Amino acid sequence: TGWTGSPHARKPHTPPRGPYVKPWWTRSSTCAENLPLRALHQTLKRWLTARPLPATTTELQDLLDRFRTWYNTARPHRALARATPATAYTATPKATPTTTTTTEWRTRTDVIDPWGKISLRYAGKLRHLGVGRAHIGEPVLMLIHDNHVITSNATTGQIIAEHTINPTTNYQRPHPRT
């Protein structure tokens, strides 16, 4: 800090408190960064100057909407081989996700609980699949393919139940046996 004012006053100069924020107009940018914006602004000014002055803000908004439509769909562009920006945009392929959905295959072993149910985590939540009280305590093997579950006795391999998991409910009833 330094001293400000007359030498007789001798008040210390205090810097502004808090973080110093640089004003937006002092940000450094290159001319190349501003060229597209400057070209758009220049075209907009020329286009508006060639039309009668709007009397209301509604008329001005209408003029600006017409300019946007003309600028993007009717105006040939020098860098696009005289094509309009809208034509060039629709002609180029759009980015799509590169991931493909794969089906989930997994197995799980469990023992049927005293209420005739087994548990399975599906879509981040624990689901309870009803198998039946007749199978209490039996070790089971579950074959899971996405939302379809086949439950078989782990020792004999006999299919005990089949389920299609409904993600909106916690308890899952088995398919009726045929």
N, C-alpha and C. Protein backbone atom coordinates (compact mmCIF):
# COMPACT_ATOMS: atom_id res chain seq x y z
N THR A 1 0.85 -1.18 0.00
CA THR A 1 0.00 0.00 0.00
C THR A 1 0.89 1.23 0.00
N GLY A 2 0.35 2.29 -0.55
CA GLY A 2 1.11 3.54 -0.59
C GLY A 2 0.31 4.64 0.08
N TRP A 3 0.89 5.83 0.07
CA TRP A 3 0.23 6.98 0.68
C TRP A 3 -0.41 7.81 -0.40
N THR A 4 -1.65 8.26 -0.12
CA THR A 4 -2.35 9.09 -1.10
C THR A 4 -2.70 10.42 -0.47
N GLY A 5 -3.08 11.35 -1.32
CA GLY A 5 -3.49 12.66 -0.83
C GLY A 5 -2.29 13.55 -0.57
N SER A 6 -2.52 14.62 0.14
CA SER A 6 -1.44 15.57 0.42
C SER A 6 -0.49 14.95 1.45
N PRO A 7 0.74 15.37 1.45
CA PRO A 7 1.68 14.80 2.42
C PRO A 7 1.28 15.10 3.86
N HIS A 8 0.43 16.10 4.06
CA HIS A 8 0.01 16.43 5.42
C HIS A 8 -1.07 15.48 5.93
N ALA A 9 -1.92 14.95 4.99
CA ALA A 9 -3.02 14.08 5.42
C ALA A 9 -2.49 12.70 5.80
N ARG A 10 -1.59 12.18 5.03
CA ARG A 10 -0.95 10.89 5.29
C ARG A 10 -1.95 9.77 5.56
N LYS A 11 -2.90 9.59 4.61
CA LYS A 11 -3.84 8.46 4.71
C LYS A 11 -3.30 7.32 3.86
N PRO A 12 -3.27 6.13 4.40
CA PRO A 12 -2.80 5.01 3.57
C PRO A 12 -3.85 4.64 2.51
N HIS A 13 -3.36 4.26 1.33
CA HIS A 13 -4.24 3.83 0.25
C HIS A 13 -4.58 2.36 0.49
N THR A 14 -5.87 2.03 0.50
CA THR A 14 -6.28 0.64 0.69
C THR A 14 -6.83 0.10 -0.63
N PRO A 15 -6.39 -1.08 -1.03
CA PRO A 15 -6.91 -1.66 -2.27
C PRO A 15 -8.37 -2.08 -2.08
N PRO A 16 -9.12 -2.25 -3.18
CA PRO A 16 -10.52 -2.66 -3.05
C PRO A 16 -10.62 -4.01 -2.37
N ARG A 17 -11.65 -4.17 -1.55
CA ARG A 17 -11.82 -5.43 -0.84
C ARG A 17 -12.47 -6.47 -1.73
N GLY A 18 -12.23 -7.73 -1.41
CA GLY A 18 -12.82 -8.84 -2.17
C GLY A 18 -12.01 -9.15 -3.40
N PRO A 19 -12.42 -10.19 -4.12
CA PRO A 19 -11.67 -10.57 -5.32
C PRO A 19 -11.86 -9.53 -6.42
N TYR A 20 -10.79 -9.24 -7.12
CA TYR A 20 -10.84 -8.26 -8.19
C TYR A 20 -11.33 -8.95 -9.44
N VAL A 21 -12.39 -8.43 -10.03
CA VAL A 21 -12.94 -8.99 -11.25
C VAL A 21 -12.57 -8.06 -12.39
N LYS A 22 -11.94 -8.64 -13.40
CA LYS A 22 -11.51 -7.85 -14.55
C LYS A 22 -12.74 -7.55 -15.41
N PRO A 23 -12.93 -6.31 -15.81
CA PRO A 23 -14.10 -5.96 -16.64
C PRO A 23 -14.10 -6.74 -17.95
N TRP A 24 -15.29 -7.02 -18.48
CA TRP A 24 -15.41 -7.84 -19.68
C TRP A 24 -14.73 -7.20 -20.88
N TRP A 25 -14.67 -5.86 -20.93
CA TRP A 25 -14.12 -5.22 -22.11
C TRP A 25 -12.60 -5.27 -22.14
N THR A 26 -11.97 -5.75 -21.07
CA THR A 26 -10.51 -5.85 -21.09
C THR A 26 -10.04 -7.27 -21.37
N ARG A 27 -11.00 -8.19 -21.59
CA ARG A 27 -10.58 -9.57 -21.90
C ARG A 27 -9.82 -9.58 -23.22
N SER A 28 -8.82 -10.40 -23.29
CA SER A 28 -8.07 -10.47 -24.53
C SER A 28 -8.71 -11.52 -25.43
N SER A 29 -8.87 -11.18 -26.67
CA SER A 29 -9.35 -12.14 -27.66
C SER A 29 -8.70 -11.77 -28.98
N THR A 30 -8.53 -12.76 -29.81
CA THR A 30 -7.90 -12.50 -31.09
C THR A 30 -8.97 -12.07 -32.09
N CYS A 31 -8.55 -11.42 -33.14
CA CYS A 31 -9.48 -11.00 -34.17
C CYS A 31 -10.14 -12.20 -34.85
N ALA A 32 -9.39 -13.29 -34.97
CA ALA A 32 -9.92 -14.48 -35.63
C ALA A 32 -11.11 -15.06 -34.86
N GLU A 33 -11.09 -14.90 -33.52
CA GLU A 33 -12.21 -15.40 -32.73
C GLU A 33 -13.47 -14.60 -33.00
N ASN A 34 -13.33 -13.33 -33.32
CA ASN A 34 -14.48 -12.45 -33.50
C ASN A 34 -14.96 -12.35 -34.94
N LEU A 35 -14.24 -12.89 -35.90
CA LEU A 35 -14.60 -12.71 -37.31
C LEU A 35 -16.00 -13.21 -37.64
N PRO A 36 -16.41 -14.42 -37.25
CA PRO A 36 -17.77 -14.86 -37.60
C PRO A 36 -18.83 -13.94 -37.00
N LEU A 37 -18.64 -13.51 -35.78
CA LEU A 37 -19.61 -12.63 -35.13
C LEU A 37 -19.62 -11.27 -35.81
N ARG A 38 -18.45 -10.75 -36.17
CA ARG A 38 -18.38 -9.46 -36.84
C ARG A 38 -19.03 -9.53 -38.21
N ALA A 39 -18.84 -10.65 -38.92
CA ALA A 39 -19.45 -10.80 -40.25
C ALA A 39 -20.97 -10.87 -40.13
N LEU A 40 -21.47 -11.61 -39.15
CA LEU A 40 -22.91 -11.69 -38.93
C LEU A 40 -23.48 -10.31 -38.59
N HIS A 41 -22.79 -9.59 -37.72
CA HIS A 41 -23.26 -8.27 -37.30
C HIS A 41 -23.28 -7.31 -38.49
N GLN A 42 -22.25 -7.37 -39.31
CA GLN A 42 -22.19 -6.48 -40.48
C GLN A 42 -23.32 -6.81 -41.46
N THR A 43 -23.57 -8.10 -41.69
CA THR A 43 -24.65 -8.51 -42.59
C THR A 43 -26.00 -8.09 -42.03
N LEU A 44 -26.18 -8.25 -40.73
CA LEU A 44 -27.44 -7.85 -40.09
C LEU A 44 -27.66 -6.35 -40.24
N LYS A 45 -26.61 -5.54 -39.99
CA LYS A 45 -26.75 -4.08 -40.12
C LYS A 45 -27.11 -3.69 -41.55
N ARG A 46 -26.47 -4.29 -42.55
CA ARG A 46 -26.77 -3.97 -43.95
C ARG A 46 -28.19 -4.38 -44.31
N TRP A 47 -28.61 -5.55 -43.84
CA TRP A 47 -29.95 -6.05 -44.15
C TRP A 47 -31.01 -5.16 -43.52
N LEU A 48 -30.81 -4.75 -42.26
CA LEU A 48 -31.79 -3.89 -41.58
C LEU A 48 -31.82 -2.49 -42.18
N THR A 49 -30.67 -1.98 -42.62
CA THR A 49 -30.61 -0.64 -43.20
C THR A 49 -31.38 -0.58 -44.52
N ALA A 50 -31.44 -1.69 -45.24
CA ALA A 50 -32.14 -1.72 -46.53
C ALA A 50 -33.66 -1.81 -46.36
N ARG A 51 -34.15 -1.89 -45.16
CA ARG A 51 -35.59 -1.99 -44.89
C ARG A 51 -36.08 -0.77 -44.13
N PRO A 52 -37.41 -0.54 -44.19
CA PRO A 52 -37.94 0.61 -43.44
C PRO A 52 -37.76 0.40 -41.94
N LEU A 53 -37.59 1.49 -41.23
CA LEU A 53 -37.38 1.47 -39.79
C LEU A 53 -38.64 0.97 -39.08
N PRO A 54 -38.54 -0.05 -38.22
CA PRO A 54 -39.74 -0.53 -37.53
C PRO A 54 -40.20 0.48 -36.48
N ALA A 55 -41.51 0.55 -36.31
CA ALA A 55 -42.08 1.52 -35.38
C ALA A 55 -42.20 0.95 -33.97
N THR A 56 -42.35 -0.38 -33.86
CA THR A 56 -42.54 -1.00 -32.54
C THR A 56 -41.53 -2.13 -32.37
N THR A 57 -41.43 -2.60 -31.13
CA THR A 57 -40.52 -3.73 -30.87
C THR A 57 -41.05 -5.01 -31.51
N THR A 58 -42.36 -5.13 -31.64
CA THR A 58 -42.95 -6.31 -32.31
C THR A 58 -42.54 -6.34 -33.78
N GLU A 59 -42.58 -5.16 -34.44
CA GLU A 59 -42.14 -5.09 -35.83
C GLU A 59 -40.64 -5.39 -35.95
N LEU A 60 -39.85 -4.90 -34.98
CA LEU A 60 -38.41 -5.19 -34.99
C LEU A 60 -38.17 -6.68 -34.83
N GLN A 61 -38.90 -7.33 -33.90
CA GLN A 61 -38.73 -8.77 -33.71
C GLN A 61 -39.11 -9.53 -34.98
N ASP A 62 -40.17 -9.07 -35.66
CA ASP A 62 -40.57 -9.70 -36.91
C ASP A 62 -39.47 -9.57 -37.95
N LEU A 63 -38.87 -8.38 -38.03
CA LEU A 63 -37.75 -8.18 -38.96
C LEU A 63 -36.58 -9.10 -38.63
N LEU A 64 -36.24 -9.20 -37.34
CA LEU A 64 -35.13 -10.06 -36.93
C LEU A 64 -35.42 -11.53 -37.22
N ASP A 65 -36.66 -11.96 -37.04
CA ASP A 65 -37.03 -13.34 -37.37
C ASP A 65 -36.91 -13.59 -38.86
N ARG A 66 -37.34 -12.61 -39.68
CA ARG A 66 -37.21 -12.75 -41.13
C ARG A 66 -35.74 -12.79 -41.54
N PHE A 67 -34.90 -11.98 -40.87
CA PHE A 67 -33.46 -11.99 -41.16
C PHE A 67 -32.88 -13.36 -40.84
N ARG A 68 -33.22 -13.93 -39.68
CA ARG A 68 -32.68 -15.24 -39.31
C ARG A 68 -33.06 -16.30 -40.34
N THR A 69 -34.31 -16.26 -40.78
CA THR A 69 -34.76 -17.22 -41.79
C THR A 69 -33.98 -17.02 -43.09
N TRP A 70 -33.85 -15.77 -43.52
CA TRP A 70 -33.12 -15.50 -44.75
C TRP A 70 -31.65 -15.89 -44.61
N TYR A 71 -31.03 -15.55 -43.49
CA TYR A 71 -29.60 -15.81 -43.27
C TYR A 71 -29.28 -17.30 -43.30
N ASN A 72 -30.19 -18.11 -42.76
CA ASN A 72 -29.91 -19.55 -42.67
C ASN A 72 -30.45 -20.37 -43.83
N THR A 73 -31.52 -19.90 -44.50
CA THR A 73 -32.15 -20.77 -45.50
C THR A 73 -32.11 -20.22 -46.92
N ALA A 74 -31.96 -18.92 -47.11
CA ALA A 74 -32.01 -18.38 -48.47
C ALA A 74 -30.69 -17.79 -48.95
N ARG A 75 -29.82 -17.37 -48.06
CA ARG A 75 -28.58 -16.68 -48.42
C ARG A 75 -27.51 -17.68 -48.84
N PRO A 76 -27.01 -17.61 -50.07
CA PRO A 76 -25.91 -18.51 -50.45
C PRO A 76 -24.63 -18.10 -49.73
N HIS A 77 -23.87 -19.08 -49.33
CA HIS A 77 -22.66 -18.82 -48.53
C HIS A 77 -21.43 -19.08 -49.38
N ARG A 78 -20.50 -18.15 -49.35
CA ARG A 78 -19.29 -18.25 -50.17
C ARG A 78 -18.44 -19.47 -49.81
N ALA A 79 -18.31 -19.75 -48.51
CA ALA A 79 -17.45 -20.86 -48.08
C ALA A 79 -18.11 -22.23 -48.27
N LEU A 80 -19.41 -22.24 -48.58
CA LEU A 80 -20.12 -23.51 -48.74
C LEU A 80 -20.45 -23.77 -50.21
N ALA A 81 -19.66 -23.23 -51.12
CA ALA A 81 -19.86 -23.40 -52.56
C ALA A 81 -21.23 -22.88 -52.98
N ARG A 82 -21.60 -21.73 -52.44
CA ARG A 82 -22.84 -21.03 -52.73
C ARG A 82 -24.08 -21.79 -52.25
N ALA A 83 -23.91 -22.73 -51.37
CA ALA A 83 -25.06 -23.42 -50.77
C ALA A 83 -25.51 -22.62 -49.55
N THR A 84 -26.74 -22.81 -49.14
CA THR A 84 -27.22 -22.12 -47.95
C THR A 84 -26.74 -22.88 -46.71
N PRO A 85 -26.60 -22.20 -45.57
CA PRO A 85 -26.18 -22.90 -44.35
C PRO A 85 -27.13 -24.04 -43.97
N ALA A 86 -28.42 -23.87 -44.18
CA ALA A 86 -29.38 -24.93 -43.84
C ALA A 86 -29.17 -26.16 -44.72
N THR A 87 -28.88 -25.95 -46.00
CA THR A 87 -28.61 -27.07 -46.91
C THR A 87 -27.35 -27.81 -46.48
N ALA A 88 -26.32 -27.06 -46.16
CA ALA A 88 -25.06 -27.68 -45.73
C ALA A 88 -25.24 -28.43 -44.41
N TYR A 89 -26.05 -27.88 -43.51
CA TYR A 89 -26.27 -28.52 -42.21
C TYR A 89 -27.03 -29.84 -42.38
N THR A 90 -28.08 -29.83 -43.18
CA THR A 90 -28.86 -31.07 -43.34
C THR A 90 -28.13 -32.11 -44.17
N ALA A 91 -27.17 -31.70 -44.97
CA ALA A 91 -26.44 -32.66 -45.81
C ALA A 91 -25.36 -33.42 -45.05
N THR A 92 -24.91 -32.88 -43.93
CA THR A 92 -23.83 -33.55 -43.19
C THR A 92 -24.41 -34.57 -42.23
N PRO A 93 -23.72 -35.70 -42.06
CA PRO A 93 -24.21 -36.69 -41.09
C PRO A 93 -24.08 -36.17 -39.67
N LYS A 94 -25.04 -36.49 -38.85
CA LYS A 94 -25.06 -36.02 -37.47
C LYS A 94 -24.41 -37.07 -36.56
N ALA A 95 -23.85 -36.61 -35.48
CA ALA A 95 -23.19 -37.50 -34.52
C ALA A 95 -24.25 -38.35 -33.82
N THR A 96 -23.93 -39.60 -33.64
CA THR A 96 -24.81 -40.52 -32.91
C THR A 96 -23.98 -41.24 -31.86
N PRO A 97 -24.60 -41.76 -30.85
CA PRO A 97 -23.83 -42.48 -29.83
C PRO A 97 -23.13 -43.70 -30.45
N THR A 98 -21.91 -43.91 -30.04
CA THR A 98 -21.16 -45.04 -30.56
C THR A 98 -21.38 -46.31 -29.74
N THR A 99 -22.00 -46.16 -28.60
CA THR A 99 -22.23 -47.34 -27.77
C THR A 99 -23.42 -48.11 -28.28
N THR A 100 -23.30 -49.40 -28.24
CA THR A 100 -24.42 -50.26 -28.61
C THR A 100 -24.96 -50.90 -27.35
N THR A 101 -26.24 -51.09 -27.33
CA THR A 101 -26.83 -51.71 -26.15
C THR A 101 -26.59 -53.21 -26.22
N THR A 102 -26.03 -53.74 -25.18
CA THR A 102 -25.78 -55.16 -25.11
C THR A 102 -26.73 -55.76 -24.09
N THR A 103 -27.13 -56.97 -24.36
CA THR A 103 -28.01 -57.63 -23.42
C THR A 103 -27.19 -58.16 -22.26
N GLU A 104 -27.84 -58.24 -21.12
CA GLU A 104 -27.16 -58.68 -19.91
C GLU A 104 -27.43 -60.16 -19.69
N TRP A 105 -26.36 -60.90 -19.54
CA TRP A 105 -26.44 -62.32 -19.20
C TRP A 105 -25.68 -62.49 -17.89
N ARG A 106 -26.31 -63.10 -16.90
CA ARG A 106 -25.60 -63.38 -15.66
C ARG A 106 -26.29 -64.52 -14.93
N THR A 107 -25.57 -65.05 -13.95
CA THR A 107 -26.12 -66.12 -13.12
C THR A 107 -25.98 -65.72 -11.66
N ARG A 108 -26.82 -66.32 -10.84
CA ARG A 108 -26.75 -66.05 -9.40
C ARG A 108 -27.23 -67.28 -8.67
N THR A 109 -26.52 -67.62 -7.60
CA THR A 109 -26.96 -68.73 -6.76
C THR A 109 -27.51 -68.16 -5.46
N ASP A 110 -28.50 -68.86 -4.90
CA ASP A 110 -29.14 -68.39 -3.69
C ASP A 110 -29.83 -69.59 -3.04
N VAL A 111 -30.35 -69.36 -1.86
CA VAL A 111 -31.16 -70.36 -1.16
C VAL A 111 -32.52 -69.73 -0.91
N ILE A 112 -33.57 -70.46 -1.19
CA ILE A 112 -34.92 -69.92 -1.02
C ILE A 112 -35.18 -69.68 0.46
N ASP A 113 -35.65 -68.46 0.79
CA ASP A 113 -35.82 -68.05 2.19
C ASP A 113 -37.08 -68.71 2.81
N PRO A 114 -37.29 -68.53 4.11
CA PRO A 114 -38.43 -69.16 4.79
C PRO A 114 -39.81 -68.72 4.28
N TRP A 115 -39.86 -67.69 3.46
CA TRP A 115 -41.14 -67.24 2.91
C TRP A 115 -41.32 -67.66 1.45
N GLY A 116 -40.40 -68.45 0.93
CA GLY A 116 -40.51 -68.94 -0.44
C GLY A 116 -40.08 -67.93 -1.49
N LYS A 117 -39.17 -67.04 -1.12
CA LYS A 117 -38.72 -66.00 -2.05
C LYS A 117 -37.21 -66.02 -2.19
N ILE A 118 -36.74 -65.46 -3.28
CA ILE A 118 -35.31 -65.22 -3.48
C ILE A 118 -35.14 -63.75 -3.86
N SER A 119 -33.98 -63.20 -3.63
CA SER A 119 -33.76 -61.79 -3.95
C SER A 119 -32.79 -61.65 -5.11
N LEU A 120 -33.00 -60.58 -5.84
CA LEU A 120 -32.18 -60.31 -7.03
C LEU A 120 -32.11 -58.80 -7.21
N ARG A 121 -30.92 -58.30 -7.47
CA ARG A 121 -30.76 -56.88 -7.74
C ARG A 121 -30.95 -56.66 -9.23
N TYR A 122 -31.92 -55.79 -9.54
CA TYR A 122 -32.22 -55.48 -10.94
C TYR A 122 -32.46 -53.97 -11.05
N ALA A 123 -31.82 -53.34 -12.01
CA ALA A 123 -31.95 -51.89 -12.23
C ALA A 123 -31.64 -51.10 -10.96
N GLY A 124 -30.65 -51.54 -10.20
CA GLY A 124 -30.20 -50.83 -9.03
C GLY A 124 -31.06 -51.01 -7.80
N LYS A 125 -32.07 -51.88 -7.87
CA LYS A 125 -32.94 -52.10 -6.71
C LYS A 125 -33.05 -53.59 -6.43
N LEU A 126 -33.26 -53.90 -5.16
CA LEU A 126 -33.41 -55.29 -4.76
C LEU A 126 -34.85 -55.73 -5.02
N ARG A 127 -35.01 -56.80 -5.79
CA ARG A 127 -36.34 -57.34 -6.12
C ARG A 127 -36.50 -58.67 -5.40
N HIS A 128 -37.72 -59.00 -5.07
CA HIS A 128 -38.03 -60.27 -4.41
C HIS A 128 -38.87 -61.10 -5.35
N LEU A 129 -38.34 -62.26 -5.73
CA LEU A 129 -39.01 -63.13 -6.67
C LEU A 129 -39.67 -64.27 -5.91
N GLY A 130 -40.97 -64.40 -6.09
CA GLY A 130 -41.69 -65.48 -5.44
C GLY A 130 -41.45 -66.79 -6.16
N VAL A 131 -41.07 -67.82 -5.40
CA VAL A 131 -40.83 -69.14 -5.98
C VAL A 131 -41.86 -70.13 -5.43
N GLY A 132 -42.15 -70.05 -4.18
CA GLY A 132 -43.15 -70.92 -3.56
C GLY A 132 -42.61 -71.53 -2.28
N ARG A 133 -43.50 -71.69 -1.29
CA ARG A 133 -43.10 -72.23 0.00
C ARG A 133 -42.72 -73.71 -0.08
N ALA A 134 -43.13 -74.37 -1.13
CA ALA A 134 -42.78 -75.80 -1.28
C ALA A 134 -41.27 -75.98 -1.46
N HIS A 135 -40.57 -74.93 -1.81
CA HIS A 135 -39.13 -75.03 -2.10
C HIS A 135 -38.26 -74.35 -1.05
N ILE A 136 -38.80 -74.08 0.14
CA ILE A 136 -38.05 -73.41 1.20
C ILE A 136 -36.76 -74.17 1.50
N GLY A 137 -35.64 -73.41 1.54
CA GLY A 137 -34.34 -73.98 1.90
C GLY A 137 -33.59 -74.63 0.75
N GLU A 138 -34.18 -74.74 -0.42
CA GLU A 138 -33.51 -75.38 -1.57
C GLU A 138 -32.48 -74.41 -2.17
N PRO A 139 -31.31 -74.92 -2.53
CA PRO A 139 -30.34 -74.09 -3.25
C PRO A 139 -30.81 -73.93 -4.70
N VAL A 140 -30.73 -72.71 -5.21
CA VAL A 140 -31.20 -72.46 -6.58
C VAL A 140 -30.13 -71.76 -7.40
N LEU A 141 -30.26 -71.92 -8.71
CA LEU A 141 -29.41 -71.23 -9.68
C LEU A 141 -30.35 -70.39 -10.54
N MET A 142 -30.07 -69.09 -10.60
CA MET A 142 -30.88 -68.19 -11.43
C MET A 142 -30.10 -67.85 -12.69
N LEU A 143 -30.74 -68.02 -13.84
CA LEU A 143 -30.18 -67.61 -15.12
C LEU A 143 -30.91 -66.34 -15.52
N ILE A 144 -30.18 -65.25 -15.63
CA ILE A 144 -30.79 -63.94 -15.84
C ILE A 144 -30.38 -63.41 -17.21
N HIS A 145 -31.38 -63.11 -18.03
CA HIS A 145 -31.16 -62.49 -19.33
C HIS A 145 -32.04 -61.25 -19.39
N ASP A 146 -31.41 -60.08 -19.22
CA ASP A 146 -32.12 -58.80 -19.13
C ASP A 146 -33.17 -58.88 -18.04
N ASN A 147 -34.46 -58.84 -18.39
CA ASN A 147 -35.50 -58.87 -17.36
C ASN A 147 -36.16 -60.23 -17.23
N HIS A 148 -35.61 -61.23 -17.88
CA HIS A 148 -36.17 -62.58 -17.82
C HIS A 148 -35.28 -63.45 -16.91
N VAL A 149 -35.92 -64.12 -15.92
CA VAL A 149 -35.17 -64.93 -14.96
C VAL A 149 -35.74 -66.34 -14.95
N ILE A 150 -34.86 -67.32 -15.09
CA ILE A 150 -35.24 -68.74 -14.96
C ILE A 150 -34.56 -69.25 -13.69
N THR A 151 -35.35 -69.77 -12.78
CA THR A 151 -34.84 -70.29 -11.52
C THR A 151 -34.93 -71.80 -11.55
N SER A 152 -33.79 -72.46 -11.28
CA SER A 152 -33.78 -73.92 -11.27
C SER A 152 -33.13 -74.41 -9.98
N ASN A 153 -33.46 -75.63 -9.63
CA ASN A 153 -32.85 -76.27 -8.46
C ASN A 153 -31.38 -76.47 -8.78
N ALA A 154 -30.49 -76.00 -7.90
CA ALA A 154 -29.05 -76.06 -8.17
C ALA A 154 -28.54 -77.50 -8.16
N THR A 155 -29.23 -78.40 -7.49
CA THR A 155 -28.76 -79.78 -7.40
C THR A 155 -29.29 -80.63 -8.56
N THR A 156 -30.56 -80.53 -8.84
CA THR A 156 -31.17 -81.39 -9.85
C THR A 156 -31.25 -80.75 -11.22
N GLY A 157 -31.24 -79.41 -11.28
CA GLY A 157 -31.36 -78.71 -12.56
C GLY A 157 -32.81 -78.52 -13.00
N GLN A 158 -33.77 -78.98 -12.20
CA GLN A 158 -35.18 -78.85 -12.56
C GLN A 158 -35.60 -77.37 -12.45
N ILE A 159 -36.32 -76.90 -13.47
CA ILE A 159 -36.78 -75.51 -13.46
C ILE A 159 -37.92 -75.39 -12.46
N ILE A 160 -37.75 -74.46 -11.54
CA ILE A 160 -38.75 -74.24 -10.49
C ILE A 160 -39.70 -73.11 -10.87
N ALA A 161 -39.17 -72.00 -11.40
CA ALA A 161 -40.00 -70.85 -11.73
C ALA A 161 -39.36 -70.00 -12.80
N GLU A 162 -40.19 -69.23 -13.47
CA GLU A 162 -39.73 -68.23 -14.44
C GLU A 162 -40.39 -66.91 -14.10
N HIS A 163 -39.62 -65.84 -14.27
CA HIS A 163 -40.12 -64.51 -13.96
C HIS A 163 -39.76 -63.55 -15.09
N THR A 164 -40.63 -62.60 -15.33
CA THR A 164 -40.30 -61.43 -16.15
C THR A 164 -40.38 -60.25 -15.20
N ILE A 165 -39.25 -59.60 -14.96
CA ILE A 165 -39.20 -58.57 -13.94
C ILE A 165 -39.88 -57.29 -14.42
N ASN A 166 -40.80 -56.82 -13.60
CA ASN A 166 -41.47 -55.55 -13.83
C ASN A 166 -40.71 -54.50 -13.00
N PRO A 167 -40.04 -53.55 -13.64
CA PRO A 167 -39.22 -52.60 -12.87
C PRO A 167 -40.01 -51.67 -11.96
N THR A 168 -41.34 -51.63 -12.09
CA THR A 168 -42.13 -50.72 -11.25
C THR A 168 -42.55 -51.35 -9.94
N THR A 169 -42.38 -52.68 -9.79
CA THR A 169 -42.79 -53.32 -8.53
C THR A 169 -41.62 -54.04 -7.89
N ASN A 170 -41.69 -54.18 -6.58
CA ASN A 170 -40.64 -54.84 -5.81
C ASN A 170 -40.82 -56.36 -5.84
N TYR A 171 -42.05 -56.83 -5.57
CA TYR A 171 -42.32 -58.27 -5.55
C TYR A 171 -42.69 -58.74 -6.95
N GLN A 172 -42.06 -59.83 -7.37
CA GLN A 172 -42.29 -60.37 -8.71
C GLN A 172 -42.95 -61.74 -8.61
N ARG A 173 -44.12 -61.86 -9.18
CA ARG A 173 -44.81 -63.15 -9.20
C ARG A 173 -44.22 -64.02 -10.31
N PRO A 174 -44.20 -65.33 -10.09
CA PRO A 174 -43.69 -66.21 -11.16
C PRO A 174 -44.74 -66.37 -12.25
N HIS A 175 -44.25 -66.76 -13.45
CA HIS A 175 -45.16 -67.10 -14.54
C HIS A 175 -45.96 -68.34 -14.13
N PRO A 176 -47.20 -68.43 -14.55
CA PRO A 176 -47.95 -69.65 -14.23
C PRO A 176 -47.31 -70.86 -14.91
N ARG A 177 -47.26 -71.96 -14.19
CA ARG A 177 -46.66 -73.21 -14.72
C ARG A 177 -47.65 -73.87 -15.65
N THR A 178 -47.16 -74.33 -16.81
CA THR A 178 -48.04 -75.01 -17.76
C THR A 178 -47.72 -76.48 -17.81
